[in-house]
Amino acid sequence: MANETTTLGDADAAGETARRAQPLGVEDRRAMIIGAVTPLLMEQGFGVTSKQLADAAGLAEGTIFRAFGDKQSLLRAVTERYLDPEPFREELSRIDRSLPLEVKVRTVIHLMRERFGSVFRLVAAVGPGERPEFPSHRAAFDRLVGDLLDDDREQLMWPPATVAHIIRLMTFASTLPRLNEDNALSLDDLTSIVLYGIAGTPASASTDQPIEEKS
């Protein structure tokens, strides 16, 4: 019985080892390499060497080349993954429509700033050479945010799609590094400006009390 138990245990261990040793498929390996080298590229730029990329991925250079063909193909794959709009769209679509207007606007601005920030980091990493193509997803963004704000239409001065456009413009400007070096707006500041302008009154402010005039 002891020998039988030992044999069964050895078989289980061997099976587990075999499962662990299974090689990654081509797409899984490519995804693993992209995930491993992206932080290095964002930190040091696209001028890194093939050896640095291989070291970051914990692989031999030959393995990198077999997966992508050459360094430029890997860099293009990183760019495409980094600019993929689907995760951003999914986050927008998961925002609860029943939340208060201020919370929804604040969440949209936060996600949009993260998105623009990632694009600007990529531009800095690519350097002064050839710029990657940035696909436009404005219509999809305006539609998603417009749908999100549709239940709040009566509180808005413009149609929801127009408000989405305003949010995108203001968020872009507030995230552009050269425009915000000395006086960057916080998330709360930007949310207040979008909701109330520069001279508006928050909806939560009380209007029951008269303003006392100074003599």
Protein backbone atom coordinates (compact mmCIF):
# COMPACT_ATOMS: atom_id res chain seq x y z
CA MET A 1 0.00 0.00 0.00
CA ALA A 2 2.83 2.36 0.86
CA ASN A 3 4.51 1.69 -2.47
CA GLU A 4 1.22 2.27 -4.29
CA THR A 5 0.69 5.57 -2.46
CA THR A 6 4.22 6.66 -3.28
CA THR A 7 3.72 5.75 -6.93
CA LEU A 8 0.50 7.74 -7.13
CA GLY A 9 2.19 10.71 -5.46
CA ASP A 10 5.09 10.54 -7.88
CA ALA A 11 2.66 10.42 -10.80
CA ASP A 12 0.82 13.50 -9.54
CA ALA A 13 4.10 15.37 -9.12
CA ALA A 14 5.24 14.36 -12.59
CA GLY A 15 1.94 15.51 -14.06
CA GLU A 16 2.23 18.87 -12.30
CA THR A 17 5.79 19.29 -13.56
CA ALA A 18 4.69 18.49 -17.10
CA ARG A 19 1.92 21.07 -16.90
CA ARG A 20 4.35 23.69 -15.66
CA ALA A 21 6.85 22.83 -18.37
CA GLN A 22 4.40 23.28 -21.23
CA PRO A 23 5.79 25.94 -23.58
CA LEU A 24 3.86 29.12 -24.20
CA GLY A 25 1.98 29.49 -27.45
CA VAL A 26 3.19 32.07 -29.96
CA GLU A 27 0.66 34.75 -29.01
CA ASP A 28 1.08 34.15 -25.28
CA ARG A 29 4.85 34.45 -25.62
CA ARG A 30 4.53 37.67 -27.62
CA ALA A 31 2.17 39.10 -25.01
CA MET A 32 4.56 38.11 -22.22
CA ILE A 33 7.49 39.80 -23.97
CA ILE A 34 5.50 42.98 -24.63
CA GLY A 35 4.43 43.19 -20.99
CA ALA A 36 7.99 42.62 -19.77
CA VAL A 37 9.73 45.19 -21.98
CA THR A 38 7.14 47.99 -21.88
CA PRO A 39 8.28 49.45 -18.51
CA LEU A 40 11.88 49.54 -19.79
CA LEU A 41 10.84 51.34 -22.98
CA MET A 42 8.73 53.89 -21.10
CA GLU A 43 11.62 54.58 -18.73
CA GLN A 44 14.59 54.61 -21.10
CA GLY A 45 13.03 55.29 -24.49
CA PHE A 46 12.94 53.37 -27.73
CA GLY A 47 16.70 53.69 -28.21
CA VAL A 48 17.37 50.70 -25.96
CA THR A 49 19.39 47.82 -27.37
CA SER A 50 18.12 44.37 -28.26
CA LYS A 51 20.18 42.97 -25.38
CA GLN A 52 18.47 45.30 -22.91
CA LEU A 53 15.08 44.19 -24.22
CA ALA A 54 16.05 40.53 -23.91
CA ASP A 55 17.36 41.05 -20.37
CA ALA A 56 14.12 42.80 -19.37
CA ALA A 57 12.12 39.85 -20.69
CA GLY A 58 14.49 37.30 -19.13
CA LEU A 59 15.04 35.69 -22.52
CA ALA A 60 17.80 35.23 -25.06
CA GLU A 61 17.94 37.74 -27.90
CA GLY A 62 17.28 34.93 -30.35
CA THR A 63 13.98 34.17 -28.61
CA ILE A 64 12.94 37.82 -29.01
CA PHE A 65 13.78 37.75 -32.71
CA ARG A 66 11.92 34.47 -33.26
CA ALA A 67 8.81 35.98 -31.68
CA PHE A 68 8.91 39.34 -33.49
CA GLY A 69 11.39 39.09 -36.34
CA ASP A 70 13.37 42.18 -35.39
CA LYS A 71 13.57 44.99 -32.86
CA GLN A 72 11.41 47.41 -34.85
CA SER A 73 8.59 44.88 -35.06
CA LEU A 74 8.70 44.50 -31.29
CA LEU A 75 8.59 48.28 -30.83
CA ARG A 76 5.59 48.52 -33.15
CA ALA A 77 3.83 45.76 -31.20
CA VAL A 78 4.47 47.60 -27.92
CA THR A 79 3.09 50.81 -29.44
CA GLU A 80 -0.05 49.08 -30.69
CA ARG A 81 -0.66 47.43 -27.32
CA TYR A 82 0.00 50.68 -25.46
CA LEU A 83 -2.44 52.62 -27.66
CA ASP A 84 -5.13 49.94 -27.69
CA PRO A 85 -8.35 51.85 -26.84
CA GLU A 86 -10.40 48.83 -25.77
CA PRO A 87 -9.37 48.77 -22.07
CA PHE A 88 -10.18 52.49 -21.86
CA ARG A 89 -13.56 52.01 -23.52
CA GLU A 90 -14.38 49.12 -21.21
CA GLU A 91 -13.62 51.24 -18.16
CA LEU A 92 -15.88 54.01 -19.45
CA SER A 93 -18.69 51.57 -20.17
CA ARG A 94 -18.49 50.18 -16.62
CA ILE A 95 -19.26 53.54 -14.97
CA ASP A 96 -22.59 53.29 -13.15
CA ARG A 97 -25.17 55.50 -14.88
CA SER A 98 -27.07 55.88 -11.59
CA LEU A 99 -24.20 57.74 -9.91
CA PRO A 100 -24.54 61.49 -9.26
CA LEU A 101 -23.52 63.71 -12.16
CA GLU A 102 -20.46 65.07 -10.34
CA VAL A 103 -19.16 61.58 -9.59
CA LYS A 104 -19.62 60.47 -13.19
CA VAL A 105 -17.88 63.54 -14.59
CA ARG A 106 -15.01 63.17 -12.12
CA THR A 107 -14.56 59.51 -13.05
CA VAL A 108 -14.57 60.27 -16.78
CA ILE A 109 -11.98 63.02 -16.31
CA HIS A 110 -9.78 60.71 -14.24
CA LEU A 111 -9.88 57.96 -16.88
CA MET A 112 -9.33 60.45 -19.69
CA ARG A 113 -6.30 61.98 -17.97
CA GLU A 114 -4.84 58.52 -17.51
CA ARG A 115 -5.38 57.83 -21.20
CA PHE A 116 -3.82 61.08 -22.41
CA GLY A 117 -0.98 60.68 -19.93
CA SER A 118 -0.12 57.26 -21.35
CA VAL A 119 -0.08 58.67 -24.88
CA PHE A 120 2.22 61.53 -23.86
CA ARG A 121 4.56 59.09 -22.11
CA LEU A 122 4.73 57.04 -25.29
CA VAL A 123 5.57 60.14 -27.35
CA ALA A 124 8.38 60.96 -24.92
CA ALA A 125 9.66 57.38 -25.08
CA VAL A 126 9.69 57.29 -28.87
CA GLY A 127 11.86 60.40 -28.91
CA PRO A 128 12.38 63.01 -31.62
CA GLY A 129 12.44 60.51 -34.46
CA GLU A 130 9.46 58.97 -36.20
CA ARG A 131 6.20 59.41 -34.32
CA PRO A 132 3.73 56.52 -34.11
CA GLU A 133 0.31 56.93 -35.65
CA PHE A 134 -2.34 57.78 -33.08
CA PRO A 135 -5.73 56.48 -34.20
CA SER A 136 -8.63 58.81 -33.47
CA HIS A 137 -11.41 57.48 -31.27
CA ARG A 138 -13.18 60.76 -30.64
CA ALA A 139 -16.54 59.65 -31.99
CA ALA A 140 -16.55 56.52 -29.82
CA PHE A 141 -15.58 58.53 -26.72
CA ASP A 142 -18.25 61.18 -27.34
CA ARG A 143 -20.85 58.46 -27.84
CA LEU A 144 -19.91 56.52 -24.68
CA VAL A 145 -19.77 59.59 -22.46
CA GLY A 146 -22.86 61.07 -24.09
CA ASP A 147 -24.79 57.91 -23.26
CA LEU A 148 -23.43 57.98 -19.71
CA LEU A 149 -24.68 61.54 -19.17
CA ASP A 150 -27.98 61.18 -21.00
CA ASP A 151 -29.96 60.69 -17.78
CA ASP A 152 -28.57 64.05 -16.57
CA ARG A 153 -29.62 65.91 -19.70
CA GLU A 154 -31.87 68.34 -17.82
CA GLN A 155 -28.95 69.50 -15.67
CA LEU A 156 -26.70 70.21 -18.65
CA MET A 157 -26.39 73.43 -20.63
CA TRP A 158 -25.48 71.49 -23.80
CA PRO A 159 -26.37 68.09 -25.27
CA PRO A 160 -24.49 65.20 -23.61
CA ALA A 161 -22.35 64.56 -26.70
CA THR A 162 -21.24 68.20 -26.70
CA VAL A 163 -20.42 67.97 -23.00
CA ALA A 164 -18.32 64.89 -23.76
CA HIS A 165 -16.44 66.92 -26.38
CA ILE A 166 -15.83 69.71 -23.84
CA ILE A 167 -14.55 67.22 -21.27
CA ARG A 168 -12.14 65.74 -23.82
CA LEU A 169 -10.79 69.15 -24.85
CA MET A 170 -10.27 70.37 -21.29
CA THR A 171 -8.77 67.10 -20.14
CA PHE A 172 -6.34 67.07 -23.05
CA ALA A 173 -5.18 70.60 -22.27
CA SER A 174 -4.85 69.85 -18.55
CA THR A 175 -2.70 66.78 -19.24
CA LEU A 176 -0.34 68.26 -21.85
CA PRO A 177 2.98 68.52 -19.98
CA ARG A 178 4.17 71.79 -21.51
CA LEU A 179 0.98 73.59 -20.51
CA ASN A 180 0.97 72.40 -16.91
CA GLU A 181 4.53 72.60 -15.65
CA ASP A 182 3.92 75.40 -13.14
CA ASN A 183 0.17 75.41 -12.49
CA ALA A 184 -1.31 71.94 -12.93
CA LEU A 185 -4.98 71.54 -12.09
CA SER A 186 -6.01 68.82 -9.67
CA LEU A 187 -8.72 66.33 -10.56
CA ASP A 188 -11.15 68.11 -8.24
CA ASP A 189 -10.31 71.51 -9.74
CA LEU A 190 -10.90 70.29 -13.27
CA THR A 191 -14.14 68.58 -12.29
CA SER A 192 -15.43 71.81 -10.74
CA ILE A 193 -14.50 73.84 -13.81
CA VAL A 194 -16.27 71.40 -16.13
CA LEU A 195 -19.38 71.35 -13.97
CA TYR A 196 -19.65 74.99 -12.91
CA GLY A 197 -17.36 77.04 -15.15
CA ILE A 198 -15.27 79.79 -13.61
CA ALA A 199 -18.16 81.78 -12.13
CA GLY A 200 -20.93 79.27 -11.63
CA THR A 201 -22.61 78.12 -8.45
CA PRO A 202 -22.45 74.44 -7.50
CA ALA A 203 -25.86 72.82 -7.52
CA SER A 204 -25.35 71.80 -3.88
CA ALA A 205 -24.84 75.39 -2.72
CA SER A 206 -27.71 76.82 -0.71
CA THR A 207 -29.59 79.75 -2.22
CA ASP A 208 -32.06 80.13 0.64
CA GLN A 209 -29.97 82.51 2.69
CA PRO A 210 -29.82 86.13 1.48
CA ILE A 211 -26.40 87.64 0.93
CA GLU A 212 -25.64 90.27 3.53
CA GLU A 213 -24.50 93.55 2.08
CA LYS A 214 -21.61 95.25 3.78
CA SER A 215 -22.32 98.79 4.89
